[in-house]
Amino acid sequence: VGVMGPWTCDPLLARALPEVASRLAVTRLNRDPTLNAGYWWDAVVLAEACHTPQAVTGLLDAERYATGLVGPLNPATCGAAGLLTAAWNKPLVSWACLGDAEGLDTLVTPMPEPAGVLHSVLRFFRWAHVAVLSAPQDLWREVGQGLAQDLRARGLPVTVVTTVGTEEEEAREALRRVQRADGVRVVVMCMHSVLLGGEEQRVLLEKAEDMGMTDGTYVFIPYDALTFPLPYHRVPYPVLANNTKLRLAYDAVLTVTIDSPAVTFQEALQQAKEAYEIPAYVDPPQV
């Protein structure tokens, strides 16, 4: 199984330790006869380019290395990946693909579609008008554009779609566009979470606090937390403890994430360490 992601060019995603995670998964799979169906499973980590054209080209090499794929993370490459794996008759397991998957015969979606979950939340609170702000990297720009297209197809007006980097002036201009747009209530942030070290989100939220946009007028929703269980129960995040402006701004953030009621991420990691399934040096806060 090939595990695809921009591990070598995205500094935050590299901290996910894909080699360790893949090895843990196949180890558990191989020792469970109810799951492995008599086969011996192995995983190979495949680098996904951070620029979309190169990422599409890189898919062509994947056939040589794997009989199935987990990934890719760039939604713009999902169409090509789906068509190629269908032609190869190989499964494609991806939680990052947005929009219509019709015709992608071997695509497997392992979790509820993030855009669908977000749409349900917006409908519940009756928040119709949405702005989508993305980090400038290809991955996040494609996520933002795909999300906007998906929400529009579901009947929600997305009036602002723009990118924002780590410069304060970029954040100010993007937020001014949100303020000028008619009726925008929700800002979806397609970028790495500030809780995990995302600089674009830190600058954006701090500037929103400066501009008085975190008083309840707007709701800021992180997109990335929709795709994994962000630890939230009795978990201190130093970035909030050490930054008063950010902590104030975070009152306006609504985090929607996958719940893990049986065992928390930290508990699961500790259990794997005690069972010698992963190295002892793996540090929960860093992962």
Foldseek 3Di string as FASTA:
>chain_A
DEEEEQLPPDPLVVLVVVVLVQLLVQVVQQVDCVRVVPDRDHYDYDHADQAVVSNLVSLVVVVVPDQEYEDDQAQVNVVSNLVVCVVVVGAYEYQRHADDPPPSVRYDDPDPNLLVVVLVVCVVVVQQEEEEEFAPTNRLLSSQVRSCVRSVVVPGHHPHYYYAYLDLVSLVVSVVVVVPDPRHAEYEYRFDDVLLPTRRVQSNLLSCLVVVNQPRSHAYEYSVQARAPDDDPPDDRVVLVVDPSNVSSCSRYDYDHDDDPPADPVRVVVVCVVVVSGPPPSDVSSD
